Amino acid sequence: MAVTDAAMPQAATEGAPQGLPVPKTERGRRTLRALLDAAALEFGASGFHATGITDITRRAGVALGSFYTYFASKEDIFRALVTDLSAQVKVHVSPGVEAAPDALARERAALGGYLDFVSQQQLIYRIIDEAEFVAPDAYQGHYRSTVARIAARLEAGAARGELREGVGEVEAWAIAGMNVFLGLRYGVWSGHEDMADVLARAHQLVADGLRKR
């Protein structure tokens, strides 16, 4: 799995999600962001067990004591990282979803945004998969919060008459599962596929299943 030093989105410093530290100063926010970015790269490259706190602080360019200002342990920052990555996906996808004109267009925008995110941040799959065993509460939280957002969109679309009646949680889990595996195949294992074609064909399945009859 490729890991890059590309800057991560600023989810941890813009209205921090529940479960993340909330620094009171700009310097503190920069330090927290540096630690989370470094943790993502280290855990993504080496895995949880082979990564040490000093590996994270060295990459982040901060003192060891600064780590303990925000996190009590390696497990603590790993759990926070899962929360942060989940928030990053939301931050990356939301603008396209909010700009879409109707419910079906929102689902297409959500999938397109997700595929774009994972193609840039491929390490998310290794980290989230490892979280099932290292931080199962954060692992479940990642997927439950993702599905809750999808379900809310579907239910709102049905209420507006844009989607068929009765769509909700079950359909949201099905869409989330499809998105995850499309991201793995075409965002992480990608070769030279036409991503516009992948998006169009996948969305056709969703649209056929959700549109009002």
N, C-alpha and C. Protein backbone atom coordinates (compact mmCIF):
# COMPACT_ATOMS: atom_id res chain seq x y z
N MET A 1 0.85 -1.19 0.00
CA MET A 1 0.00 0.00 0.00
C MET A 1 0.88 1.24 0.00
N ALA A 2 0.66 2.12 -0.93
CA ALA A 2 1.48 3.32 -1.03
C ALA A 2 1.16 4.28 0.10
N VAL A 3 2.20 4.92 0.64
CA VAL A 3 2.04 5.95 1.66
C VAL A 3 2.85 7.15 1.23
N THR A 4 2.23 8.31 1.27
CA THR A 4 2.91 9.52 0.84
C THR A 4 2.97 10.51 1.97
N ASP A 5 3.79 11.55 1.80
CA ASP A 5 3.89 12.62 2.77
C ASP A 5 2.95 13.77 2.45
N ALA A 6 1.95 13.52 1.59
CA ALA A 6 1.00 14.57 1.24
C ALA A 6 0.29 15.08 2.48
N ALA A 7 0.04 16.37 2.51
CA ALA A 7 -0.65 16.95 3.67
C ALA A 7 -2.05 16.38 3.79
N MET A 8 -2.43 16.06 5.03
CA MET A 8 -3.75 15.54 5.29
C MET A 8 -4.72 16.70 5.47
N PRO A 9 -6.02 16.49 5.19
CA PRO A 9 -7.00 17.53 5.47
C PRO A 9 -6.99 17.93 6.94
N GLN A 10 -7.55 19.08 7.24
CA GLN A 10 -7.42 19.66 8.57
C GLN A 10 -8.56 19.30 9.51
N ALA A 11 -9.04 18.07 9.46
CA ALA A 11 -10.21 17.70 10.25
C ALA A 11 -9.99 17.89 11.75
N ALA A 12 -8.77 17.66 12.21
CA ALA A 12 -8.53 17.71 13.65
C ALA A 12 -8.43 19.12 14.19
N THR A 13 -8.34 20.10 13.32
CA THR A 13 -8.18 21.47 13.80
C THR A 13 -9.35 22.36 13.42
N GLU A 14 -10.34 21.82 12.74
CA GLU A 14 -11.49 22.62 12.35
C GLU A 14 -12.74 22.01 12.98
N GLY A 15 -13.06 22.45 14.19
CA GLY A 15 -14.21 21.88 14.88
C GLY A 15 -13.96 20.42 15.18
N ALA A 16 -13.02 20.15 16.07
CA ALA A 16 -12.55 18.79 16.31
C ALA A 16 -13.70 17.83 16.59
N PRO A 17 -13.72 16.66 15.90
CA PRO A 17 -14.76 15.67 16.16
C PRO A 17 -14.68 15.16 17.59
N GLN A 18 -15.78 14.64 18.10
CA GLN A 18 -15.81 14.08 19.44
C GLN A 18 -14.78 12.96 19.55
N GLY A 19 -14.01 12.97 20.62
CA GLY A 19 -12.98 11.95 20.81
C GLY A 19 -11.59 12.44 20.50
N LEU A 20 -11.46 13.63 19.93
CA LEU A 20 -10.15 14.21 19.66
C LEU A 20 -9.84 15.31 20.66
N PRO A 21 -8.55 15.48 21.00
CA PRO A 21 -8.17 16.61 21.86
C PRO A 21 -8.54 17.93 21.21
N VAL A 22 -8.76 18.95 22.03
CA VAL A 22 -9.11 20.28 21.52
C VAL A 22 -8.09 21.28 22.06
N PRO A 23 -7.00 21.52 21.33
CA PRO A 23 -6.00 22.50 21.79
C PRO A 23 -6.59 23.89 21.88
N LYS A 24 -6.08 24.68 22.82
CA LYS A 24 -6.60 26.03 23.03
C LYS A 24 -5.86 27.09 22.23
N THR A 25 -4.70 26.73 21.67
CA THR A 25 -3.91 27.71 20.94
C THR A 25 -3.65 27.23 19.52
N GLU A 26 -3.31 28.18 18.65
CA GLU A 26 -2.96 27.82 17.27
C GLU A 26 -1.73 26.92 17.25
N ARG A 27 -0.76 27.21 18.10
CA ARG A 27 0.43 26.36 18.16
C ARG A 27 0.05 24.94 18.58
N GLY A 28 -0.85 24.82 19.53
CA GLY A 28 -1.30 23.51 19.95
C GLY A 28 -2.02 22.78 18.84
N ARG A 29 -2.83 23.50 18.07
CA ARG A 29 -3.53 22.86 16.94
C ARG A 29 -2.54 22.38 15.89
N ARG A 30 -1.50 23.15 15.64
CA ARG A 30 -0.48 22.72 14.67
C ARG A 30 0.25 21.48 15.18
N THR A 31 0.55 21.46 16.47
CA THR A 31 1.25 20.30 17.03
C THR A 31 0.39 19.05 16.95
N LEU A 32 -0.89 19.18 17.31
CA LEU A 32 -1.79 18.03 17.23
C LEU A 32 -1.91 17.54 15.80
N ARG A 33 -2.03 18.49 14.85
CA ARG A 33 -2.14 18.10 13.45
C ARG A 33 -0.87 17.37 12.99
N ALA A 34 0.28 17.85 13.42
CA ALA A 34 1.54 17.22 13.04
C ALA A 34 1.62 15.81 13.61
N LEU A 35 1.17 15.62 14.84
CA LEU A 35 1.20 14.29 15.46
C LEU A 35 0.26 13.33 14.74
N LEU A 36 -0.93 13.78 14.42
CA LEU A 36 -1.89 12.90 13.74
C LEU A 36 -1.42 12.56 12.33
N ASP A 37 -0.88 13.55 11.63
CA ASP A 37 -0.36 13.28 10.28
C ASP A 37 0.80 12.29 10.33
N ALA A 38 1.69 12.49 11.29
CA ALA A 38 2.83 11.58 11.43
C ALA A 38 2.36 10.19 11.82
N ALA A 39 1.39 10.10 12.71
CA ALA A 39 0.85 8.80 13.10
C ALA A 39 0.24 8.08 11.91
N ALA A 40 -0.48 8.81 11.07
CA ALA A 40 -1.09 8.20 9.90
C ALA A 40 -0.02 7.60 8.99
N LEU A 41 1.04 8.33 8.77
CA LEU A 41 2.10 7.85 7.89
C LEU A 41 2.86 6.67 8.50
N GLU A 42 3.14 6.74 9.80
CA GLU A 42 3.87 5.66 10.45
C GLU A 42 3.03 4.40 10.58
N PHE A 43 1.80 4.53 11.06
CA PHE A 43 0.93 3.36 11.17
C PHE A 43 0.60 2.81 9.79
N GLY A 44 0.40 3.71 8.83
CA GLY A 44 0.08 3.27 7.48
C GLY A 44 1.22 2.51 6.84
N ALA A 45 2.45 2.90 7.13
CA ALA A 45 3.62 2.25 6.54
C ALA A 45 4.02 0.98 7.26
N SER A 46 3.98 1.01 8.60
CA SER A 46 4.56 -0.08 9.39
C SER A 46 3.54 -0.88 10.19
N GLY A 47 2.33 -0.38 10.33
CA GLY A 47 1.36 -1.05 11.16
C GLY A 47 1.46 -0.62 12.61
N PHE A 48 0.44 -0.95 13.39
CA PHE A 48 0.37 -0.50 14.77
C PHE A 48 1.51 -1.07 15.62
N HIS A 49 1.73 -2.36 15.55
CA HIS A 49 2.66 -2.99 16.48
C HIS A 49 4.12 -2.63 16.20
N ALA A 50 4.45 -2.36 14.96
CA ALA A 50 5.84 -2.03 14.61
C ALA A 50 6.14 -0.54 14.76
N THR A 51 5.14 0.25 15.06
CA THR A 51 5.32 1.70 15.19
C THR A 51 5.47 2.07 16.66
N GLY A 52 6.46 2.90 16.98
CA GLY A 52 6.65 3.39 18.33
C GLY A 52 6.28 4.86 18.45
N ILE A 53 6.05 5.29 19.66
CA ILE A 53 5.74 6.70 19.88
C ILE A 53 6.87 7.59 19.38
N THR A 54 8.10 7.17 19.59
CA THR A 54 9.23 7.98 19.12
C THR A 54 9.27 8.07 17.60
N ASP A 55 8.79 7.04 16.90
CA ASP A 55 8.70 7.13 15.44
C ASP A 55 7.74 8.26 15.04
N ILE A 56 6.65 8.36 15.77
CA ILE A 56 5.65 9.38 15.47
C ILE A 56 6.17 10.77 15.79
N THR A 57 6.77 10.94 16.97
CA THR A 57 7.26 12.28 17.34
C THR A 57 8.43 12.70 16.46
N ARG A 58 9.26 11.74 16.08
CA ARG A 58 10.39 12.08 15.20
C ARG A 58 9.88 12.59 13.86
N ARG A 59 8.91 11.88 13.28
CA ARG A 59 8.37 12.31 11.99
C ARG A 59 7.64 13.64 12.12
N ALA A 60 6.94 13.83 13.26
CA ALA A 60 6.19 15.06 13.47
C ALA A 60 7.09 16.24 13.77
N GLY A 61 8.33 15.97 14.22
CA GLY A 61 9.25 17.04 14.57
C GLY A 61 8.88 17.72 15.87
N VAL A 62 8.33 16.94 16.81
CA VAL A 62 7.95 17.50 18.11
C VAL A 62 8.60 16.69 19.22
N ALA A 63 8.70 17.30 20.39
CA ALA A 63 9.32 16.63 21.53
C ALA A 63 8.40 15.53 22.06
N LEU A 64 9.03 14.53 22.69
CA LEU A 64 8.27 13.42 23.25
C LEU A 64 7.25 13.92 24.27
N GLY A 65 7.63 14.92 25.04
CA GLY A 65 6.70 15.46 26.03
C GLY A 65 5.45 16.04 25.42
N SER A 66 5.57 16.58 24.20
CA SER A 66 4.40 17.14 23.53
C SER A 66 3.38 16.07 23.19
N PHE A 67 3.89 14.87 22.90
CA PHE A 67 2.97 13.76 22.62
C PHE A 67 2.05 13.53 23.81
N TYR A 68 2.63 13.51 25.00
CA TYR A 68 1.85 13.19 26.20
C TYR A 68 0.97 14.36 26.65
N THR A 69 1.13 15.50 26.03
CA THR A 69 0.18 16.59 26.27
C THR A 69 -1.19 16.25 25.69
N TYR A 70 -1.19 15.46 24.62
CA TYR A 70 -2.43 15.17 23.90
C TYR A 70 -2.88 13.72 24.00
N PHE A 71 -1.93 12.81 24.18
CA PHE A 71 -2.26 11.39 24.16
C PHE A 71 -1.58 10.66 25.31
N ALA A 72 -2.29 9.68 25.86
CA ALA A 72 -1.74 8.93 26.99
C ALA A 72 -0.90 7.74 26.54
N SER A 73 -1.09 7.28 25.30
CA SER A 73 -0.43 6.06 24.85
C SER A 73 -0.48 5.96 23.34
N LYS A 74 0.20 4.96 22.82
CA LYS A 74 0.13 4.69 21.38
C LYS A 74 -1.29 4.28 20.99
N GLU A 75 -1.95 3.50 21.84
CA GLU A 75 -3.32 3.10 21.57
C GLU A 75 -4.24 4.32 21.50
N ASP A 76 -3.97 5.30 22.35
CA ASP A 76 -4.79 6.50 22.40
C ASP A 76 -4.70 7.29 21.10
N ILE A 77 -3.49 7.48 20.58
CA ILE A 77 -3.37 8.24 19.33
C ILE A 77 -3.90 7.43 18.15
N PHE A 78 -3.78 6.12 18.20
CA PHE A 78 -4.33 5.30 17.12
C PHE A 78 -5.85 5.45 17.06
N ARG A 79 -6.47 5.38 18.24
CA ARG A 79 -7.92 5.53 18.30
C ARG A 79 -8.34 6.92 17.79
N ALA A 80 -7.60 7.94 18.22
CA ALA A 80 -7.90 9.30 17.77
C ALA A 80 -7.69 9.44 16.26
N LEU A 81 -6.69 8.74 15.74
CA LEU A 81 -6.42 8.81 14.30
C LEU A 81 -7.58 8.23 13.49
N VAL A 82 -8.16 7.14 13.95
CA VAL A 82 -9.32 6.57 13.25
C VAL A 82 -10.46 7.58 13.21
N THR A 83 -10.71 8.23 14.34
CA THR A 83 -11.73 9.27 14.39
C THR A 83 -11.41 10.41 13.44
N ASP A 84 -10.14 10.80 13.41
CA ASP A 84 -9.72 11.90 12.54
C ASP A 84 -9.87 11.54 11.07
N LEU A 85 -9.47 10.34 10.70
CA LEU A 85 -9.59 9.92 9.30
C LEU A 85 -11.05 9.88 8.87
N SER A 86 -11.91 9.40 9.76
CA SER A 86 -13.34 9.39 9.44
C SER A 86 -13.84 10.81 9.20
N ALA A 87 -13.39 11.73 10.04
CA ALA A 87 -13.79 13.13 9.87
C ALA A 87 -13.22 13.71 8.58
N GLN A 88 -12.01 13.30 8.21
CA GLN A 88 -11.41 13.79 6.97
C GLN A 88 -12.23 13.38 5.75
N VAL A 89 -12.72 12.15 5.77
CA VAL A 89 -13.56 11.70 4.66
C VAL A 89 -14.79 12.61 4.55
N LYS A 90 -15.42 12.88 5.68
CA LYS A 90 -16.59 13.75 5.69
C LYS A 90 -16.26 15.13 5.14
N VAL A 91 -15.15 15.70 5.60
CA VAL A 91 -14.74 17.04 5.14
C VAL A 91 -14.51 17.04 3.64
N HIS A 92 -13.88 15.99 3.12
CA HIS A 92 -13.54 15.92 1.70
C HIS A 92 -14.79 15.75 0.84
N VAL A 93 -15.74 14.96 1.31
CA VAL A 93 -16.92 14.62 0.51
C VAL A 93 -18.02 15.67 0.59
N SER A 94 -18.14 16.33 1.73
CA SER A 94 -19.29 17.20 2.00
C SER A 94 -19.53 18.30 0.96
N PRO A 95 -18.50 19.03 0.49
CA PRO A 95 -18.80 20.11 -0.46
C PRO A 95 -19.53 19.64 -1.71
N GLY A 96 -19.10 18.53 -2.28
CA GLY A 96 -19.77 18.01 -3.47
C GLY A 96 -21.19 17.56 -3.19
N VAL A 97 -21.37 16.92 -2.03
CA VAL A 97 -22.70 16.46 -1.65
C VAL A 97 -23.63 17.64 -1.45
N GLU A 98 -23.16 18.66 -0.76
CA GLU A 98 -24.00 19.82 -0.47
C GLU A 98 -24.35 20.60 -1.73
N ALA A 99 -23.49 20.54 -2.73
CA ALA A 99 -23.75 21.29 -3.97
C ALA A 99 -24.64 20.53 -4.94
N ALA A 100 -24.85 19.24 -4.69
CA ALA A 100 -25.63 18.42 -5.63
C ALA A 100 -27.10 18.82 -5.61
N PRO A 101 -27.78 18.76 -6.75
CA PRO A 101 -29.14 19.29 -6.84
C PRO A 101 -30.24 18.37 -6.31
N ASP A 102 -29.98 17.07 -6.18
CA ASP A 102 -31.04 16.17 -5.71
C ASP A 102 -30.40 14.96 -5.04
N ALA A 103 -31.26 14.07 -4.55
CA ALA A 103 -30.78 12.96 -3.74
C ALA A 103 -29.87 12.01 -4.51
N LEU A 104 -30.23 11.66 -5.73
CA LEU A 104 -29.38 10.75 -6.50
C LEU A 104 -28.05 11.41 -6.84
N ALA A 105 -28.08 12.68 -7.17
CA ALA A 105 -26.84 13.39 -7.46
C ALA A 105 -25.95 13.45 -6.22
N ARG A 106 -26.57 13.53 -5.04
CA ARG A 106 -25.77 13.56 -3.81
C ARG A 106 -25.05 12.24 -3.60
N GLU A 107 -25.70 11.13 -3.89
CA GLU A 107 -25.02 9.84 -3.74
C GLU A 107 -23.89 9.67 -4.74
N ARG A 108 -24.09 10.18 -5.94
CA ARG A 108 -23.01 10.12 -6.94
C ARG A 108 -21.84 10.99 -6.47
N ALA A 109 -22.13 12.18 -5.96
CA ALA A 109 -21.07 13.07 -5.48
C ALA A 109 -20.34 12.46 -4.29
N ALA A 110 -21.09 11.78 -3.41
CA ALA A 110 -20.47 11.16 -2.24
C ALA A 110 -19.50 10.07 -2.66
N LEU A 111 -19.91 9.22 -3.59
CA LEU A 111 -19.02 8.16 -4.05
C LEU A 111 -17.82 8.75 -4.78
N GLY A 112 -18.04 9.73 -5.63
CA GLY A 112 -16.93 10.35 -6.35
C GLY A 112 -15.94 10.99 -5.39
N GLY A 113 -16.45 11.67 -4.37
CA GLY A 113 -15.57 12.29 -3.39
C GLY A 113 -14.79 11.26 -2.59
N TYR A 114 -15.45 10.16 -2.24
CA TYR A 114 -14.78 9.11 -1.48
C TYR A 114 -13.67 8.46 -2.32
N LEU A 115 -13.95 8.15 -3.56
CA LEU A 115 -12.92 7.55 -4.42
C LEU A 115 -11.74 8.49 -4.59
N ASP A 116 -12.02 9.78 -4.71
CA ASP A 116 -10.95 10.76 -4.82
C ASP A 116 -10.11 10.79 -3.54
N PHE A 117 -10.78 10.75 -2.40
CA PHE A 117 -10.07 10.79 -1.12
C PHE A 117 -9.15 9.58 -0.96
N VAL A 118 -9.68 8.38 -1.18
CA VAL A 118 -8.86 7.20 -0.93
C VAL A 118 -7.74 7.05 -1.95
N SER A 119 -7.93 7.59 -3.15
CA SER A 119 -6.84 7.53 -4.12
C SER A 119 -5.68 8.42 -3.69
N GLN A 120 -5.98 9.46 -2.90
CA GLN A 120 -4.93 10.34 -2.38
C GLN A 120 -4.37 9.85 -1.04
N GLN A 121 -5.22 9.24 -0.23
CA GLN A 121 -4.84 8.80 1.11
C GLN A 121 -5.09 7.29 1.24
N GLN A 122 -4.30 6.52 0.52
CA GLN A 122 -4.51 5.08 0.47
C GLN A 122 -4.29 4.40 1.82
N LEU A 123 -3.53 5.04 2.68
CA LEU A 123 -3.22 4.45 3.98
C LEU A 123 -4.46 4.26 4.84
N ILE A 124 -5.56 4.90 4.51
CA ILE A 124 -6.75 4.79 5.35
C ILE A 124 -7.20 3.34 5.47
N TYR A 125 -7.03 2.53 4.43
CA TYR A 125 -7.50 1.15 4.48
C TYR A 125 -6.71 0.33 5.48
N ARG A 126 -5.40 0.46 5.49
CA ARG A 126 -4.60 -0.32 6.44
C ARG A 126 -4.95 0.10 7.87
N ILE A 127 -5.08 1.39 8.10
CA ILE A 127 -5.34 1.87 9.45
C ILE A 127 -6.72 1.45 9.93
N ILE A 128 -7.74 1.65 9.10
CA ILE A 128 -9.10 1.29 9.51
C ILE A 128 -9.22 -0.22 9.70
N ASP A 129 -8.62 -1.01 8.81
CA ASP A 129 -8.69 -2.47 8.95
C ASP A 129 -8.01 -2.92 10.24
N GLU A 130 -6.87 -2.34 10.57
CA GLU A 130 -6.16 -2.73 11.79
C GLU A 130 -6.94 -2.30 13.03
N ALA A 131 -7.72 -1.24 12.90
CA ALA A 131 -8.50 -0.75 14.04
C ALA A 131 -9.51 -1.77 14.53
N GLU A 132 -9.92 -2.69 13.68
CA GLU A 132 -10.87 -3.72 14.12
C GLU A 132 -10.32 -4.48 15.33
N PHE A 133 -9.00 -4.62 15.40
CA PHE A 133 -8.37 -5.38 16.47
C PHE A 133 -7.72 -4.49 17.52
N VAL A 134 -7.22 -3.33 17.11
CA VAL A 134 -6.53 -2.43 18.03
C VAL A 134 -7.50 -1.53 18.78
N ALA A 135 -8.50 -1.02 18.09
CA ALA A 135 -9.46 -0.08 18.67
C ALA A 135 -10.85 -0.38 18.12
N PRO A 136 -11.45 -1.51 18.52
CA PRO A 136 -12.73 -1.91 17.92
C PRO A 136 -13.85 -0.90 18.12
N ASP A 137 -13.80 -0.13 19.20
CA ASP A 137 -14.83 0.89 19.39
C ASP A 137 -14.72 1.98 18.32
N ALA A 138 -13.49 2.41 18.03
CA ALA A 138 -13.29 3.41 16.99
C ALA A 138 -13.61 2.84 15.61
N TYR A 139 -13.28 1.57 15.41
CA TYR A 139 -13.57 0.89 14.14
C TYR A 139 -15.07 0.89 13.87
N GLN A 140 -15.84 0.47 14.87
CA GLN A 140 -17.29 0.48 14.70
C GLN A 140 -17.82 1.90 14.55
N GLY A 141 -17.24 2.81 15.32
CA GLY A 141 -17.68 4.20 15.25
C GLY A 141 -17.48 4.79 13.86
N HIS A 142 -16.37 4.44 13.22
CA HIS A 142 -16.10 4.92 11.87
C HIS A 142 -17.21 4.51 10.91
N TYR A 143 -17.55 3.22 10.91
CA TYR A 143 -18.55 2.74 9.97
C TYR A 143 -19.96 3.17 10.36
N ARG A 144 -20.25 3.18 11.66
CA ARG A 144 -21.60 3.59 12.08
C ARG A 144 -21.87 5.05 11.75
N SER A 145 -20.87 5.90 11.94
CA SER A 145 -21.07 7.32 11.63
C SER A 145 -21.19 7.53 10.12
N THR A 146 -20.41 6.78 9.35
CA THR A 146 -20.50 6.87 7.89
C THR A 146 -21.89 6.47 7.41
N VAL A 147 -22.37 5.34 7.90
CA VAL A 147 -23.69 4.85 7.48
C VAL A 147 -24.79 5.78 7.96
N ALA A 148 -24.64 6.36 9.14
CA ALA A 148 -25.66 7.29 9.63
C ALA A 148 -25.80 8.48 8.70
N ARG A 149 -24.68 8.98 8.16
CA ARG A 149 -24.75 10.10 7.22
C ARG A 149 -25.47 9.70 5.94
N ILE A 150 -25.16 8.50 5.43
CA ILE A 150 -25.81 8.03 4.21
C ILE A 150 -27.31 7.84 4.46
N ALA A 151 -27.65 7.20 5.57
CA ALA A 151 -29.06 6.96 5.89
C ALA A 151 -29.83 8.26 6.00
N ALA A 152 -29.22 9.26 6.62
CA ALA A 152 -29.88 10.56 6.76
C ALA A 152 -30.15 11.18 5.39
N ARG A 153 -29.17 11.05 4.47
CA ARG A 153 -29.38 11.58 3.11
C ARG A 153 -30.52 10.85 2.42
N LEU A 154 -30.54 9.51 2.54
CA LEU A 154 -31.57 8.73 1.86
C LEU A 154 -32.96 9.05 2.41
N GLU A 155 -33.05 9.11 3.73
CA GLU A 155 -34.35 9.40 4.34
C GLU A 155 -34.84 10.79 3.96
N ALA A 156 -33.91 11.75 3.90
CA ALA A 156 -34.31 13.10 3.49
C ALA A 156 -34.75 13.11 2.03
N GLY A 157 -34.05 12.36 1.18
CA GLY A 157 -34.44 12.29 -0.22
C GLY A 157 -35.80 11.65 -0.41
N ALA A 158 -36.08 10.61 0.38
CA ALA A 158 -37.39 9.96 0.31
C ALA A 158 -38.49 10.92 0.79
N ALA A 159 -38.20 11.68 1.84
CA ALA A 159 -39.18 12.62 2.38
C ALA A 159 -39.51 13.72 1.37
N ARG A 160 -38.54 14.06 0.52
CA ARG A 160 -38.78 15.09 -0.50
C ARG A 160 -39.40 14.51 -1.77
N GLY A 161 -39.57 13.20 -1.79
CA GLY A 161 -40.15 12.57 -2.97
C GLY A 161 -39.15 12.31 -4.09
N GLU A 162 -37.86 12.44 -3.78
CA GLU A 162 -36.83 12.23 -4.81
C GLU A 162 -36.40 10.77 -4.90
N LEU A 163 -36.64 9.99 -3.84
CA LEU A 163 -36.29 8.58 -3.80
C LEU A 163 -37.54 7.78 -3.43
N ARG A 164 -37.47 6.48 -3.66
CA ARG A 164 -38.61 5.64 -3.32
C ARG A 164 -38.81 5.62 -1.80
N GLU A 165 -40.03 5.37 -1.38
CA GLU A 165 -40.34 5.35 0.04
C GLU A 165 -39.67 4.16 0.74
N GLY A 166 -39.34 4.37 2.00
CA GLY A 166 -38.85 3.29 2.84
C GLY A 166 -37.35 3.09 2.85
N VAL A 167 -36.60 3.85 2.06
CA VAL A 167 -35.15 3.67 2.07
C VAL A 167 -34.57 4.24 3.37
N GLY A 168 -33.54 3.60 3.87
CA GLY A 168 -32.95 4.05 5.12
C GLY A 168 -31.71 3.27 5.49
N GLU A 169 -31.69 2.70 6.69
CA GLU A 169 -30.45 2.12 7.22
C GLU A 169 -29.94 0.93 6.41
N VAL A 170 -30.82 0.01 6.02
CA VAL A 170 -30.37 -1.17 5.29
C VAL A 170 -29.71 -0.75 3.98
N GLU A 171 -30.38 0.12 3.25
CA GLU A 171 -29.81 0.59 1.99
C GLU A 171 -28.51 1.37 2.22
N ALA A 172 -28.43 2.09 3.34
CA ALA A 172 -27.22 2.85 3.65
C ALA A 172 -26.04 1.92 3.89
N TRP A 173 -26.28 0.83 4.61
CA TRP A 173 -25.18 -0.14 4.82
C TRP A 173 -24.76 -0.77 3.49
N ALA A 174 -25.72 -1.06 2.62
CA ALA A 174 -25.39 -1.65 1.32
C ALA A 174 -24.55 -0.69 0.49
N ILE A 175 -24.92 0.57 0.48
CA ILE A 175 -24.16 1.57 -0.27
C ILE A 175 -22.77 1.74 0.33
N ALA A 176 -22.69 1.78 1.65
CA ALA A 176 -21.38 1.93 2.30
C ALA A 176 -20.47 0.77 1.96
N GLY A 177 -21.01 -0.44 1.98
CA GLY A 177 -20.19 -1.60 1.64
C GLY A 177 -19.68 -1.54 0.21
N MET A 178 -20.54 -1.15 -0.71
CA MET A 178 -20.13 -0.99 -2.10
C MET A 178 -19.03 0.05 -2.22
N ASN A 179 -19.23 1.18 -1.55
CA ASN A 179 -18.24 2.26 -1.64
C ASN A 179 -16.88 1.82 -1.11
N VAL A 180 -16.88 1.09 0.02
CA VAL A 180 -15.62 0.64 0.60
C VAL A 180 -14.84 -0.23 -0.37
N PHE A 181 -15.52 -1.18 -0.99
CA PHE A 181 -14.80 -2.10 -1.88
C PHE A 181 -14.45 -1.45 -3.22
N LEU A 182 -15.27 -0.53 -3.68
CA LEU A 182 -14.87 0.22 -4.87
C LEU A 182 -13.62 1.06 -4.58
N GLY A 183 -13.59 1.67 -3.39
CA GLY A 183 -12.41 2.44 -3.01
C GLY A 183 -11.17 1.58 -2.93
N LEU A 184 -11.32 0.38 -2.38
CA LEU A 184 -10.17 -0.53 -2.29
C LEU A 184 -9.67 -0.92 -3.68
N ARG A 185 -10.60 -1.33 -4.54
CA ARG A 185 -10.19 -1.80 -5.87
C ARG A 185 -9.67 -0.68 -6.76
N TYR A 186 -10.40 0.45 -6.79
CA TYR A 186 -10.06 1.48 -7.76
C TYR A 186 -9.31 2.67 -7.17
N GLY A 187 -9.29 2.79 -5.84
CA GLY A 187 -8.53 3.85 -5.22
C GLY A 187 -7.17 3.40 -4.73
N VAL A 188 -7.10 2.14 -4.25
CA VAL A 188 -5.86 1.62 -3.68
C VAL A 188 -5.16 0.65 -4.63
N TRP A 189 -5.91 -0.30 -5.19
CA TRP A 189 -5.31 -1.26 -6.11
C TRP A 189 -5.35 -0.78 -7.55
N SER A 190 -5.63 0.48 -7.76
CA SER A 190 -5.91 1.01 -9.09
C SER A 190 -4.76 0.81 -10.07
N GLY A 191 -5.15 0.58 -11.31
CA GLY A 191 -4.19 0.54 -12.40
C GLY A 191 -4.38 1.76 -13.26
N HIS A 192 -5.01 1.58 -14.41
CA HIS A 192 -5.25 2.72 -15.31
C HIS A 192 -6.73 2.78 -15.68
N GLU A 193 -7.58 2.48 -14.71
CA GLU A 193 -9.01 2.48 -15.00
C GLU A 193 -9.54 3.89 -15.26
N ASP A 194 -10.59 3.94 -16.03
CA ASP A 194 -11.29 5.20 -16.27
C ASP A 194 -12.21 5.43 -15.09
N MET A 195 -11.82 6.32 -14.18
CA MET A 195 -12.57 6.52 -12.95
C MET A 195 -13.95 7.10 -13.21
N ALA A 196 -14.09 7.88 -14.27
CA ALA A 196 -15.41 8.41 -14.61
C ALA A 196 -16.35 7.28 -14.98
N ASP A 197 -15.83 6.27 -15.68
CA ASP A 197 -16.64 5.12 -16.06
C ASP A 197 -16.98 4.28 -14.84
N VAL A 198 -16.01 4.08 -13.95
CA VAL A 198 -16.26 3.34 -12.70
C VAL A 198 -17.37 4.02 -11.90
N LEU A 199 -17.26 5.33 -11.75
CA LEU A 199 -18.26 6.08 -11.00
C LEU A 199 -19.63 5.97 -11.65
N ALA A 200 -19.69 6.13 -12.96
CA ALA A 200 -20.97 6.10 -13.68
C ALA A 200 -21.64 4.73 -13.54
N ARG A 201 -20.88 3.67 -13.69
CA ARG A 201 -21.46 2.32 -13.64
C ARG A 201 -21.89 1.95 -12.23
N ALA A 202 -21.08 2.32 -11.23
CA ALA A 202 -21.46 2.03 -9.85
C ALA A 202 -22.70 2.83 -9.45
N HIS A 203 -22.71 4.10 -9.86
CA HIS A 203 -23.86 4.93 -9.50
C HIS A 203 -25.14 4.45 -10.17
N GLN A 204 -25.03 3.85 -11.35
CA GLN A 204 -26.22 3.35 -12.03
C GLN A 204 -26.92 2.30 -11.16
N LEU A 205 -26.13 1.46 -10.51
CA LEU A 205 -26.72 0.45 -9.61
C LEU A 205 -27.49 1.12 -8.48
N VAL A 206 -26.86 2.14 -7.89
CA VAL A 206 -27.49 2.85 -6.79
C VAL A 206 -28.76 3.54 -7.26
N ALA A 207 -28.67 4.23 -8.38
CA ALA A 207 -29.81 4.97 -8.90
C ALA A 207 -30.97 4.03 -9.23
N ASP A 208 -30.68 2.88 -9.83
CA ASP A 208 -31.73 1.93 -10.17
C ASP A 208 -32.42 1.40 -8.92
N GLY A 209 -31.67 1.29 -7.85
CA GLY A 209 -32.25 0.76 -6.62
C GLY A 209 -32.98 1.79 -5.78
N LEU A 210 -32.64 3.05 -5.94
CA LEU A 210 -33.20 4.08 -5.07
C LEU A 210 -34.27 4.96 -5.69
N ARG A 211 -34.26 5.10 -7.01
CA ARG A 211 -35.16 6.08 -7.61
C ARG A 211 -36.62 5.71 -7.40
N LYS A 212 -37.41 6.73 -7.35
CA LYS A 212 -38.85 6.56 -7.14
C LYS A 212 -39.47 5.92 -8.36
N ARG A 213 -40.31 4.93 -8.11
CA ARG A 213 -40.94 4.21 -9.23
C ARG A 213 -42.35 4.71 -9.45
